[in-house]
Amino acid sequence: MLIYEESWLWIVVVGFIIAFVLAFGVGANDVANSFGTSVGAKVITVRQACILGSIFEMLGAILVGSKVSDTIRKGIISPDIYTNGTEDVFLAGNLAALTGSCIWMLVATFFKLPVSSTHSVVGATIGFSLVVNGVRGIGWGKLGLIAASWFVSPVLSGIVSSALFKLIDIVVLKKEKPLEPGLRLLPLFYALTIAVNSFSVFYKGSEMLYFDKIPLYGTMILTFGSAIITAIFVVVIVVPIQRRRILKTIDKELIFEEEALAGNIDKDSFLVNELNMEIRPESIDNSKESDDKADDLEKALTQGDGKKVDEEKKDDSSDKDFIDAQASRRSAREKIQDKPEVARLFTFLQVLTAIFGSFAHGGNDVSNAIGPLIALWITATTGSAAQKAPVPIWVLCYGGVGISVGIWVWGRRVMKTIGENLSKITPSSGFCIEVGSALTVLVASNLGVPISTTHCKVGSVVFVGRVRSNNSVDWKLFKNIVLAWIVTVPASVLLSALSMFGLHEIVKATR
């Protein structure tokens, strides 16, 4: 497809380059939302998280992403005001939006701060519009709905996750022998996960894949049919296999526990490879190195001046309070443990829900990252900013590839913030966090509201952590994360506006 005006070609080329870098930043930063809890609960390794993330981020972008990208490119500002011969200004504006959000995502990732790509893109879109048209053309109604969702989404996600955890706590975790109650609920959990995921894919789905042609009754048949088939499969195949493998490994786990209590083994040097249901020792040096990195991350997020904690303790009069808080949190987290059979049981479930979360993240955040790029491409190829053409599926794939590269190259920089530092996560609580946050994101994606997966996941982690133990949550870290959220929108607006000032002059000079 040819570019409508040859003079627009440079904007398209630069836009695609910057959009890829933005998608890279989203992958590096927001991967913590999808797999941070799974890695933190030792359900999957970082490498496995990268592999699963690459696959399912892409699928989420293709199957669900077009709904949210429509909101980003048409709901925040009105493209109709750029249909009077100022299409080149609209192109430059979307390039400025990509630039502003790209810079902020990379800066946040460099400092290991988990921020919202949704906030960044929305703020950047507003930034260029303010430069060109002031407040005219901004969709305040849609923007108000989005802004409300930023505050409501972590609360709703946290309520869903904590309610599910309380149910599991009563029905399974507090039982003297939790294995059989857990196995009885297993088909329900799998069926629920598959049902919600299937509905999100098929209901008003991708136009490019013709899922939007499926009637509502067809969607319900596909949704509940796949859920029932999954439940039957779990009852007949998965439950017997899990019962056999879990009982086989319980004895090994108990031996390790006894040795650890006796002081003969460093308990933390044994990690469970849950995908293969084997216990494998890791070197103590690697364990210590991991702990050191986690400590460095917490310092980076909670120490704005970069000073070492030991140095601050010497100069700060509140040393004792600091030490007591650290000791209290460490003690509270040590008490939060799943029984061996419960950990094995929820390991399989959290692998599925991590995939579920990655799929939801792809549908929501890939769309955010390349929403301005889609607007740029459609305008450049049709000559109109009206945005009447459907979302090209290959552009969604392009964004998915960028996110996948970001996951592999820089993903682990932010992963431990949500997975380990914010609160103690076990396989059972991790499952509840994943389901609650992913369900909230998928519902919002189908409503076309680009909510923040970061807010949903952090909300779920904090709510469930608070339900288990108040001292388990690092409230200082949570405060700093919230402050980073607040800064994201104005920072993106400012960066985008500055970019637009320069691009606007270039566009006027090349007319």
Protein backbone atom coordinates (compact mmCIF):
# COMPACT_ATOMS: atom_id res chain seq x y z
CA MET A 1 0.00 0.00 0.00
CA LEU A 2 1.48 3.34 -1.07
CA ILE A 3 1.80 6.41 1.12
CA TYR A 4 -0.82 8.99 0.11
CA GLU A 5 1.64 11.90 0.11
CA GLU A 6 5.34 11.37 -0.56
CA SER A 7 6.23 14.13 1.91
CA TRP A 8 4.69 12.02 4.69
CA LEU A 9 7.05 9.09 4.17
CA TRP A 10 9.65 10.25 6.68
CA ILE A 11 6.98 10.54 9.39
CA VAL A 12 5.82 6.98 8.72
CA VAL A 13 9.36 5.56 8.79
CA VAL A 14 10.36 7.38 11.98
CA GLY A 15 6.99 6.49 13.53
CA PHE A 16 7.51 2.78 12.99
CA ILE A 17 11.01 2.94 14.48
CA ILE A 18 9.88 4.82 17.58
CA ALA A 19 6.79 2.60 17.97
CA PHE A 20 9.03 -0.46 18.07
CA VAL A 21 11.20 1.12 20.76
CA LEU A 22 8.05 2.04 22.70
CA ALA A 23 6.79 -1.54 22.42
CA PHE A 24 10.23 -2.64 23.64
CA GLY A 25 9.83 -0.41 26.70
CA VAL A 26 6.33 -1.74 27.35
CA GLY A 27 7.64 -5.32 27.21
CA ALA A 28 10.56 -4.55 29.49
CA ASN A 29 8.42 -2.72 32.03
CA ASP A 30 4.99 -4.33 31.95
CA VAL A 31 6.23 -7.93 31.80
CA ALA A 32 6.22 -7.69 35.60
CA ASN A 33 2.44 -7.39 35.43
CA SER A 34 2.01 -10.64 33.54
CA PHE A 35 4.66 -12.88 35.09
CA GLY A 36 6.10 -11.09 38.12
CA THR A 37 3.85 -12.95 40.56
CA SER A 38 4.54 -16.30 38.88
CA VAL A 39 8.29 -15.81 39.02
CA GLY A 40 8.04 -14.44 42.57
CA ALA A 41 6.10 -17.53 43.68
CA LYS A 42 8.77 -19.73 42.01
CA VAL A 43 6.12 -21.21 39.72
CA ILE A 44 8.10 -20.47 36.56
CA THR A 45 11.61 -19.27 35.85
CA VAL A 46 12.48 -15.98 34.20
CA ARG A 47 13.36 -17.80 30.99
CA GLN A 48 10.04 -19.62 30.93
CA ALA A 49 8.27 -16.33 31.60
CA CYS A 50 9.99 -14.81 28.58
CA ILE A 51 9.01 -17.71 26.33
CA LEU A 52 5.37 -17.75 27.43
CA GLY A 53 5.21 -13.96 27.33
CA SER A 54 6.48 -13.82 23.76
CA ILE A 55 3.80 -16.25 22.58
CA PHE A 56 0.75 -15.03 24.45
CA GLU A 57 1.45 -11.29 24.34
CA MET A 58 1.34 -11.69 20.56
CA LEU A 59 -1.89 -13.72 20.61
CA GLY A 60 -3.57 -11.21 22.92
CA ALA A 61 -2.58 -8.34 20.66
CA ILE A 62 -4.01 -10.03 17.57
CA LEU A 63 -7.22 -11.44 19.03
CA VAL A 64 -8.29 -8.72 21.48
CA GLY A 65 -6.09 -5.71 20.76
CA SER A 66 -8.12 -3.98 18.05
CA LYS A 67 -10.83 -2.85 20.51
CA VAL A 68 -8.47 -0.90 22.76
CA SER A 69 -6.43 0.52 19.87
CA ASP A 70 -9.69 2.00 18.52
CA THR A 71 -10.11 3.88 21.80
CA ILE A 72 -6.52 5.12 21.83
CA ARG A 73 -6.60 6.39 18.24
CA LYS A 74 -10.21 7.68 18.12
CA GLY A 75 -11.52 8.06 21.67
CA ILE A 76 -8.99 10.32 23.37
CA ILE A 77 -9.03 13.07 20.74
CA SER A 78 -11.31 13.65 17.78
CA PRO A 79 -9.55 12.91 14.45
CA ASP A 80 -12.34 14.75 12.59
CA ILE A 81 -10.78 18.14 13.32
CA TYR A 82 -7.75 17.08 11.24
CA THR A 83 -9.71 16.38 8.04
CA ASN A 84 -9.46 19.89 6.60
CA GLY A 85 -6.04 19.65 5.00
CA THR A 86 -4.15 19.34 8.29
CA GLU A 87 -3.62 15.57 8.07
CA ASP A 88 0.13 16.15 8.17
CA VAL A 89 -0.28 17.82 11.55
CA PHE A 90 -2.23 14.78 12.77
CA LEU A 91 0.60 12.52 11.55
CA ALA A 92 3.18 14.64 13.34
CA GLY A 93 1.02 14.60 16.45
CA ASN A 94 0.91 10.82 16.58
CA LEU A 95 4.66 10.75 16.06
CA ALA A 96 5.01 13.13 19.01
CA ALA A 97 2.74 10.88 21.09
CA LEU A 98 4.91 7.88 20.30
CA THR A 99 8.05 9.86 21.13
CA GLY A 100 6.80 11.21 24.47
CA SER A 101 5.49 7.90 25.75
CA CYS A 102 8.57 6.06 24.45
CA ILE A 103 10.98 8.31 26.35
CA TRP A 104 9.03 8.01 29.59
CA MET A 105 8.73 4.21 29.40
CA LEU A 106 12.47 3.81 28.81
CA VAL A 107 13.35 6.21 31.64
CA ALA A 108 11.00 4.42 34.06
CA THR A 109 12.35 1.02 33.06
CA PHE A 110 15.94 2.19 33.49
CA PHE A 111 15.12 3.16 37.08
CA LYS A 112 13.18 -0.11 37.55
CA LEU A 113 9.87 1.66 38.22
CA PRO A 114 6.69 -0.20 37.22
CA VAL A 115 4.58 2.44 35.48
CA SER A 116 1.50 2.31 33.28
CA SER A 117 1.98 2.28 29.53
CA THR A 118 -1.73 3.16 29.30
CA HIS A 119 -1.16 6.37 31.25
CA SER A 120 1.89 7.15 29.18
CA VAL A 121 0.20 6.80 25.77
CA VAL A 122 -3.00 8.59 26.81
CA GLY A 123 -1.01 11.45 28.35
CA ALA A 124 1.20 11.73 25.27
CA THR A 125 -1.85 11.81 22.98
CA ILE A 126 -3.30 14.69 25.00
CA GLY A 127 0.07 16.46 24.97
CA PHE A 128 0.30 16.90 21.22
CA SER A 129 -3.38 17.85 20.96
CA LEU A 130 -2.94 20.62 23.53
CA VAL A 131 -0.11 22.11 21.47
CA VAL A 132 -2.08 22.13 18.21
CA ASN A 133 -5.67 22.79 19.28
CA GLY A 134 -5.64 23.56 22.97
CA VAL A 135 -8.50 21.82 24.77
CA ARG A 136 -10.58 21.62 21.57
CA GLY A 137 -11.08 18.14 20.19
CA ILE A 138 -10.21 16.23 23.35
CA GLY A 139 -12.79 13.58 24.22
CA TRP A 140 -13.35 14.58 27.81
CA GLY A 141 -16.12 12.04 28.35
CA LYS A 142 -13.98 9.11 27.28
CA LEU A 143 -10.99 10.58 29.08
CA GLY A 144 -13.02 10.89 32.27
CA LEU A 145 -14.06 7.24 31.99
CA ILE A 146 -10.44 6.22 31.50
CA ALA A 147 -9.26 8.38 34.41
CA ALA A 148 -11.91 6.86 36.68
CA SER A 149 -10.81 3.38 35.67
CA TRP A 150 -7.25 4.18 36.75
CA PHE A 151 -8.45 4.48 40.36
CA VAL A 152 -11.29 1.98 40.25
CA SER A 153 -9.40 -0.82 38.47
CA PRO A 154 -6.88 -1.59 41.25
CA VAL A 155 -9.68 -1.61 43.81
CA LEU A 156 -11.95 -3.88 41.75
CA SER A 157 -9.07 -6.14 40.84
CA GLY A 158 -7.98 -6.29 44.47
CA ILE A 159 -11.52 -7.10 45.65
CA VAL A 160 -11.91 -9.92 43.12
CA SER A 161 -8.50 -11.39 43.96
CA SER A 162 -8.89 -11.13 47.73
CA ALA A 163 -12.43 -12.57 47.64
CA LEU A 164 -11.19 -15.53 45.60
CA PHE A 165 -8.30 -16.01 48.00
CA LYS A 166 -10.59 -15.99 51.02
CA LEU A 167 -12.75 -18.63 49.36
CA ILE A 168 -9.73 -20.81 48.67
CA ASP A 169 -8.40 -20.13 52.16
CA ILE A 170 -11.62 -21.39 53.76
CA VAL A 171 -12.31 -24.30 51.43
CA VAL A 172 -8.75 -25.52 50.83
CA LEU A 173 -5.88 -23.88 52.70
CA LYS A 174 -7.26 -24.19 56.24
CA LYS A 175 -8.10 -27.85 55.83
CA GLU A 176 -5.84 -30.30 57.64
CA LYS A 177 -5.55 -32.28 54.40
CA PRO A 178 -6.05 -29.71 51.64
CA LEU A 179 -5.11 -31.88 48.66
CA GLU A 180 -8.46 -33.53 48.01
CA PRO A 181 -10.57 -30.34 48.45
CA GLY A 182 -8.18 -28.61 46.09
CA LEU A 183 -8.40 -31.36 43.51
CA ARG A 184 -12.20 -31.21 43.65
CA LEU A 185 -12.11 -27.50 42.83
CA LEU A 186 -9.50 -27.88 40.11
CA PRO A 187 -11.95 -28.51 37.22
CA LEU A 188 -13.94 -25.41 38.24
CA PHE A 189 -10.84 -23.20 38.30
CA TYR A 190 -9.66 -24.39 34.90
CA ALA A 191 -13.13 -24.10 33.38
CA LEU A 192 -13.58 -20.58 34.73
CA THR A 193 -10.23 -19.47 33.34
CA ILE A 194 -10.93 -20.95 29.89
CA ALA A 195 -14.49 -19.57 29.80
CA VAL A 196 -13.51 -15.99 30.54
CA ASN A 197 -10.61 -16.17 28.11
CA SER A 198 -12.75 -17.68 25.33
CA PHE A 199 -15.50 -15.10 25.76
CA SER A 200 -13.00 -12.26 25.54
CA VAL A 201 -11.64 -13.65 22.26
CA PHE A 202 -14.90 -14.40 20.47
CA TYR A 203 -17.27 -11.68 21.70
CA LYS A 204 -16.99 -8.80 19.22
CA GLY A 205 -13.57 -10.16 18.37
CA SER A 206 -11.03 -9.37 15.71
CA GLU A 207 -12.45 -8.06 12.46
CA MET A 208 -9.45 -9.40 10.57
CA LEU A 209 -10.18 -12.93 11.83
CA TYR A 210 -13.97 -12.48 11.32
CA PHE A 211 -14.68 -13.17 14.99
CA ASP A 212 -16.89 -10.09 14.96
CA LYS A 213 -19.30 -12.01 12.68
CA ILE A 214 -19.99 -14.65 15.34
CA PRO A 215 -23.47 -14.09 16.85
CA LEU A 216 -23.94 -13.91 20.61
CA TYR A 217 -25.39 -17.43 20.84
CA GLY A 218 -22.37 -18.72 18.92
CA THR A 219 -20.06 -16.96 21.34
CA MET A 220 -21.87 -18.53 24.30
CA ILE A 221 -21.66 -21.99 22.73
CA LEU A 222 -17.94 -21.60 22.13
CA THR A 223 -17.37 -20.18 25.61
CA PHE A 224 -19.27 -22.73 27.68
CA GLY A 225 -18.47 -25.57 25.32
CA SER A 226 -14.74 -25.04 25.73
CA ALA A 227 -15.18 -24.65 29.50
CA ILE A 228 -17.13 -27.92 29.80
CA ILE A 229 -14.65 -29.81 27.63
CA THR A 230 -11.80 -28.43 29.72
CA ALA A 231 -13.51 -29.42 32.98
CA ILE A 232 -14.08 -32.97 31.73
CA PHE A 233 -10.48 -33.23 30.59
CA VAL A 234 -9.25 -32.01 33.98
CA VAL A 235 -11.47 -34.48 35.86
CA VAL A 236 -10.52 -37.48 33.73
CA ILE A 237 -6.85 -36.78 32.96
CA VAL A 238 -5.34 -33.92 34.97
CA VAL A 239 -6.69 -34.67 38.47
CA PRO A 240 -5.47 -38.31 38.62
CA ILE A 241 -2.07 -37.34 37.23
CA GLN A 242 -1.70 -34.47 39.67
CA ARG A 243 -2.81 -36.56 42.63
CA ARG A 244 -0.21 -39.19 41.77
CA ARG A 245 2.64 -36.73 41.13
CA ILE A 246 1.89 -34.51 44.12
CA LEU A 247 1.76 -37.41 46.57
CA LYS A 248 5.02 -38.65 45.14
CA THR A 249 6.78 -35.34 45.71
CA ILE A 250 5.33 -34.52 49.15
CA ASP A 251 7.74 -36.90 50.85
CA LYS A 252 10.72 -35.28 49.13
CA GLU A 253 9.53 -31.82 50.13
CA LEU A 254 9.04 -32.87 53.74
CA ILE A 255 12.57 -34.24 53.83
CA PHE A 256 13.93 -30.92 52.63
CA GLU A 257 11.80 -29.08 55.22
CA GLU A 258 13.11 -31.27 58.03
CA GLU A 259 16.70 -30.83 56.91
CA ALA A 260 16.21 -27.07 56.66
CA LEU A 261 14.78 -26.88 60.18
CA ALA A 262 17.72 -28.90 61.43
CA GLY A 263 20.07 -26.38 59.85
CA ASN A 264 21.67 -28.89 57.52
CA ILE A 265 20.36 -27.33 54.29
CA ASP A 266 19.77 -23.78 53.13
CA LYS A 267 16.07 -24.06 52.38
CA ASP A 268 16.15 -21.15 49.94
CA SER A 269 18.73 -22.92 47.80
CA PHE A 270 16.12 -25.41 46.64
CA LEU A 271 13.72 -24.24 43.95
CA VAL A 272 10.89 -26.28 42.53
CA ASN A 273 10.76 -26.83 38.81
CA GLU A 274 6.96 -27.04 38.88
CA LEU A 275 6.52 -27.60 35.17
CA ASN A 276 8.35 -30.92 35.51
CA MET A 277 7.38 -31.52 39.16
CA GLU A 278 11.00 -32.09 40.16
CA ILE A 279 13.05 -30.65 42.98
CA ARG A 280 16.33 -29.22 41.77
CA PRO A 281 19.06 -27.63 43.92
CA GLU A 282 20.42 -24.24 42.94
CA SER A 283 23.77 -23.07 44.15
CA ILE A 284 23.81 -21.02 47.29
CA ASP A 285 25.82 -18.40 45.48
CA ASN A 286 23.08 -17.95 42.89
CA SER A 287 20.50 -17.67 45.64
CA LYS A 288 22.51 -14.99 47.39
CA GLU A 289 23.08 -13.15 44.13
CA SER A 290 19.34 -13.14 43.50
CA ASP A 291 18.68 -11.79 46.98
CA ASP A 292 21.27 -9.07 46.45
CA LYS A 293 19.62 -8.00 43.21
CA ALA A 294 16.24 -7.87 44.92
CA ASP A 295 17.71 -5.74 47.67
CA ASP A 296 19.23 -3.40 45.08
CA LEU A 297 15.85 -3.06 43.40
CA GLU A 298 14.11 -2.16 46.61
CA LYS A 299 16.78 0.42 47.39
CA ALA A 300 16.38 1.95 43.94
CA LEU A 301 12.64 2.30 44.46
CA THR A 302 12.63 3.47 48.04
CA GLN A 303 15.86 5.50 48.23
CA GLY A 304 15.50 8.51 45.95
CA ASP A 305 18.99 9.83 46.64
CA GLY A 306 20.74 6.52 45.86
CA LYS A 307 22.57 6.30 49.21
CA LYS A 308 23.24 2.92 50.73
CA VAL A 309 20.98 1.85 53.54
CA ASP A 310 23.90 1.28 55.87
CA GLU A 311 25.12 4.85 55.30
CA GLU A 312 21.66 6.28 55.95
CA LYS A 313 21.35 4.32 59.16
CA LYS A 314 24.41 6.09 60.54
CA ASP A 315 23.02 9.55 59.85
CA ASP A 316 19.30 9.02 60.32
CA SER A 317 17.76 9.32 63.77
CA SER A 318 15.01 6.88 62.81
CA ASP A 319 17.40 3.95 62.42
CA LYS A 320 15.58 1.85 64.96
CA ASP A 321 12.19 2.33 63.32
CA PHE A 322 13.69 1.38 59.97
CA ILE A 323 15.30 -1.76 61.35
CA ASP A 324 12.16 -2.75 63.25
CA ALA A 325 9.99 -2.31 60.16
CA GLN A 326 12.35 -4.39 58.05
CA ALA A 327 12.51 -7.11 60.68
CA SER A 328 8.73 -7.14 61.15
CA ARG A 329 8.12 -7.45 57.42
CA ARG A 330 10.72 -10.19 57.06
CA SER A 331 9.22 -12.11 59.97
CA ALA A 332 5.68 -11.78 58.57
CA ARG A 333 6.76 -13.01 55.15
CA GLU A 334 8.59 -16.02 56.58
CA LYS A 335 5.31 -17.15 58.18
CA ILE A 336 3.42 -17.06 54.86
CA GLN A 337 3.83 -20.52 53.37
CA ASP A 338 1.70 -22.94 51.39
CA LYS A 339 1.66 -26.56 52.45
CA PRO A 340 3.70 -28.71 50.03
CA GLU A 341 0.64 -30.30 48.44
CA VAL A 342 -1.07 -26.93 48.07
CA ALA A 343 2.00 -25.42 46.44
CA ARG A 344 2.19 -28.32 43.97
CA LEU A 345 -1.54 -28.08 43.27
CA PHE A 346 -1.62 -24.38 42.51
CA THR A 347 1.59 -24.49 40.54
CA PHE A 348 -0.23 -25.88 37.50
CA LEU A 349 -3.03 -23.40 37.91
CA GLN A 350 -0.73 -20.43 38.13
CA VAL A 351 1.04 -21.44 34.94
CA LEU A 352 -2.33 -21.26 33.21
CA THR A 353 -3.32 -18.01 34.86
CA ALA A 354 0.06 -16.48 34.04
CA ILE A 355 -0.68 -17.28 30.41
CA PHE A 356 -4.16 -15.84 30.93
CA GLY A 357 -2.62 -12.67 32.33
CA SER A 358 -0.12 -12.43 29.49
CA PHE A 359 -2.93 -12.79 26.96
CA ALA A 360 -4.91 -10.04 28.69
CA HIS A 361 -1.83 -7.84 28.84
CA GLY A 362 -1.22 -8.32 25.13
CA GLY A 363 -4.79 -7.36 24.31
CA ASN A 364 -4.61 -4.23 26.42
CA ASP A 365 -1.07 -2.88 26.41
CA VAL A 366 0.14 -3.84 22.93
CA SER A 367 -2.84 -1.84 21.69
CA ASN A 368 -1.80 1.11 23.82
CA ALA A 369 1.73 1.01 22.49
CA ILE A 370 0.81 0.99 18.81
CA GLY A 371 -2.50 2.89 18.92
CA PRO A 372 -0.84 6.11 17.68
CA LEU A 373 1.09 4.07 15.08
CA ILE A 374 -2.17 2.64 13.71
CA ALA A 375 -3.63 6.14 13.50
CA LEU A 376 -0.47 7.30 11.73
CA TRP A 377 -0.48 4.39 9.26
CA ILE A 378 -4.16 4.61 8.35
CA THR A 379 -3.93 8.37 7.81
CA ALA A 380 -0.77 8.07 5.72
CA THR A 381 -2.21 5.34 3.46
CA THR A 382 -5.77 6.65 3.07
CA GLY A 383 -5.04 10.36 3.08
CA SER A 384 -7.71 10.92 5.73
CA ALA A 385 -7.52 11.27 9.50
CA ALA A 386 -11.11 10.02 9.88
CA GLN A 387 -9.87 6.54 10.94
CA LYS A 388 -12.56 4.60 9.09
CA ALA A 389 -10.33 1.70 8.05
CA PRO A 390 -10.04 -1.46 10.20
CA VAL A 391 -6.97 -2.12 12.34
CA PRO A 392 -4.29 -3.88 10.24
CA ILE A 393 -3.45 -7.14 11.92
CA TRP A 394 0.18 -6.99 10.83
CA VAL A 395 0.65 -3.74 12.76
CA LEU A 396 -0.63 -5.49 15.89
CA CYS A 397 1.91 -8.26 15.21
CA TYR A 398 4.62 -5.63 14.83
CA GLY A 399 3.81 -4.27 18.28
CA GLY A 400 3.77 -7.79 19.69
CA VAL A 401 7.25 -8.46 18.35
CA GLY A 402 8.56 -5.26 19.93
CA ILE A 403 7.11 -6.24 23.30
CA SER A 404 8.61 -9.73 23.01
CA VAL A 405 12.08 -8.28 22.37
CA GLY A 406 11.67 -6.02 25.40
CA ILE A 407 10.73 -8.99 27.58
CA TRP A 408 13.89 -10.88 26.67
CA VAL A 409 16.34 -7.97 26.80
CA TRP A 410 15.19 -5.92 29.81
CA GLY A 411 12.22 -7.78 31.28
CA ARG A 412 13.74 -8.92 34.54
CA ARG A 413 14.64 -5.36 35.61
CA VAL A 414 11.14 -4.66 36.93
CA MET A 415 9.85 -8.20 37.42
CA LYS A 416 10.93 -8.58 41.04
CA THR A 417 9.26 -5.37 42.15
CA ILE A 418 5.79 -6.88 41.91
CA GLY A 419 6.81 -10.52 42.25
CA GLU A 420 8.92 -10.34 45.39
CA ASN A 421 9.49 -6.91 46.90
CA LEU A 422 5.94 -5.59 47.23
CA SER A 423 4.54 -8.58 49.14
CA LYS A 424 5.17 -12.27 49.76
CA ILE A 425 3.50 -14.37 47.07
CA THR A 426 2.88 -18.10 47.13
CA PRO A 427 1.34 -20.28 44.40
CA SER A 428 -2.14 -20.11 45.97
CA SER A 429 -2.15 -16.32 46.39
CA GLY A 430 -0.42 -15.89 43.04
CA PHE A 431 -3.24 -17.76 41.32
CA CYS A 432 -5.83 -15.45 42.90
CA ILE A 433 -3.83 -12.35 41.97
CA GLU A 434 -3.47 -13.48 38.36
CA VAL A 435 -7.15 -14.38 37.91
CA GLY A 436 -8.53 -11.25 39.57
CA SER A 437 -6.32 -8.82 37.69
CA ALA A 438 -6.59 -10.58 34.34
CA LEU A 439 -10.37 -10.82 34.60
CA THR A 440 -10.58 -7.08 35.26
CA VAL A 441 -8.32 -6.28 32.32
CA LEU A 442 -10.13 -8.57 29.88
CA VAL A 443 -13.56 -7.20 30.76
CA ALA A 444 -12.24 -3.67 30.30
CA SER A 445 -10.60 -4.59 26.97
CA ASN A 446 -13.91 -5.87 25.62
CA LEU A 447 -15.61 -2.66 26.75
CA GLY A 448 -12.94 -0.71 24.89
CA VAL A 449 -11.60 0.99 28.05
CA PRO A 450 -7.78 1.05 28.13
CA ILE A 451 -7.23 0.48 31.85
CA SER A 452 -3.84 -0.09 33.38
CA THR A 453 -2.68 -3.66 33.88
CA THR A 454 -0.07 -2.24 36.26
CA HIS A 455 -2.78 -0.85 38.52
CA CYS A 456 -4.78 -4.07 38.42
CA LYS A 457 -1.83 -6.29 39.28
CA VAL A 458 -0.46 -4.03 42.01
CA GLY A 459 -3.96 -3.66 43.45
CA SER A 460 -4.38 -7.43 43.60
CA VAL A 461 -0.93 -7.97 45.14
CA VAL A 462 -1.57 -5.38 47.86
CA PHE A 463 -5.12 -6.55 48.65
CA VAL A 464 -4.21 -10.23 48.87
CA GLY A 465 -1.02 -9.43 50.77
CA ARG A 466 -3.03 -7.39 53.26
CA VAL A 467 -5.55 -10.20 53.70
CA ARG A 468 -2.76 -12.61 54.54
CA SER A 469 -0.77 -10.23 56.76
CA ASN A 470 -0.60 -6.46 57.10
CA ASN A 471 3.13 -6.56 57.73
CA SER A 472 3.76 -8.55 54.56
CA VAL A 473 3.13 -5.52 52.33
CA ASP A 474 5.95 -3.04 51.79
CA TRP A 475 3.84 0.11 52.14
CA LYS A 476 6.77 2.44 51.48
CA LEU A 477 7.42 0.73 48.16
CA PHE A 478 3.71 0.87 47.36
CA LYS A 479 3.70 4.61 48.09
CA ASN A 480 6.58 5.14 45.69
CA ILE A 481 4.85 3.11 42.99
CA VAL A 482 1.71 5.24 43.36
CA LEU A 483 3.83 8.39 43.12
CA ALA A 484 5.34 7.05 39.89
CA TRP A 485 1.79 6.50 38.57
CA ILE A 486 0.86 10.09 39.38
CA VAL A 487 3.94 11.47 37.61
CA THR A 488 3.42 9.37 34.46
CA VAL A 489 0.59 11.39 32.88
CA PRO A 490 2.09 14.88 33.31
CA ALA A 491 5.53 13.61 32.28
CA SER A 492 4.12 12.07 29.11
CA VAL A 493 2.07 15.18 28.35
CA LEU A 494 5.16 17.38 28.72
CA LEU A 495 7.47 15.15 26.64
CA SER A 496 4.89 14.79 23.89
CA ALA A 497 4.16 18.52 23.86
CA LEU A 498 7.86 19.37 23.57
CA SER A 499 8.21 16.89 20.71
CA MET A 500 5.18 18.37 18.98
CA PHE A 501 6.57 21.91 19.11
CA GLY A 502 9.58 20.78 17.06
CA LEU A 503 7.66 18.47 14.70
CA HIS A 504 5.00 21.10 14.02
CA GLU A 505 7.67 23.52 12.79
CA ILE A 506 9.20 20.81 10.57
CA VAL A 507 5.81 19.98 9.05
CA LYS A 508 5.06 23.60 8.30
CA ALA A 509 8.47 24.00 6.68
CA THR A 510 7.99 20.97 4.39
CA ARG A 511 4.52 21.86 3.12
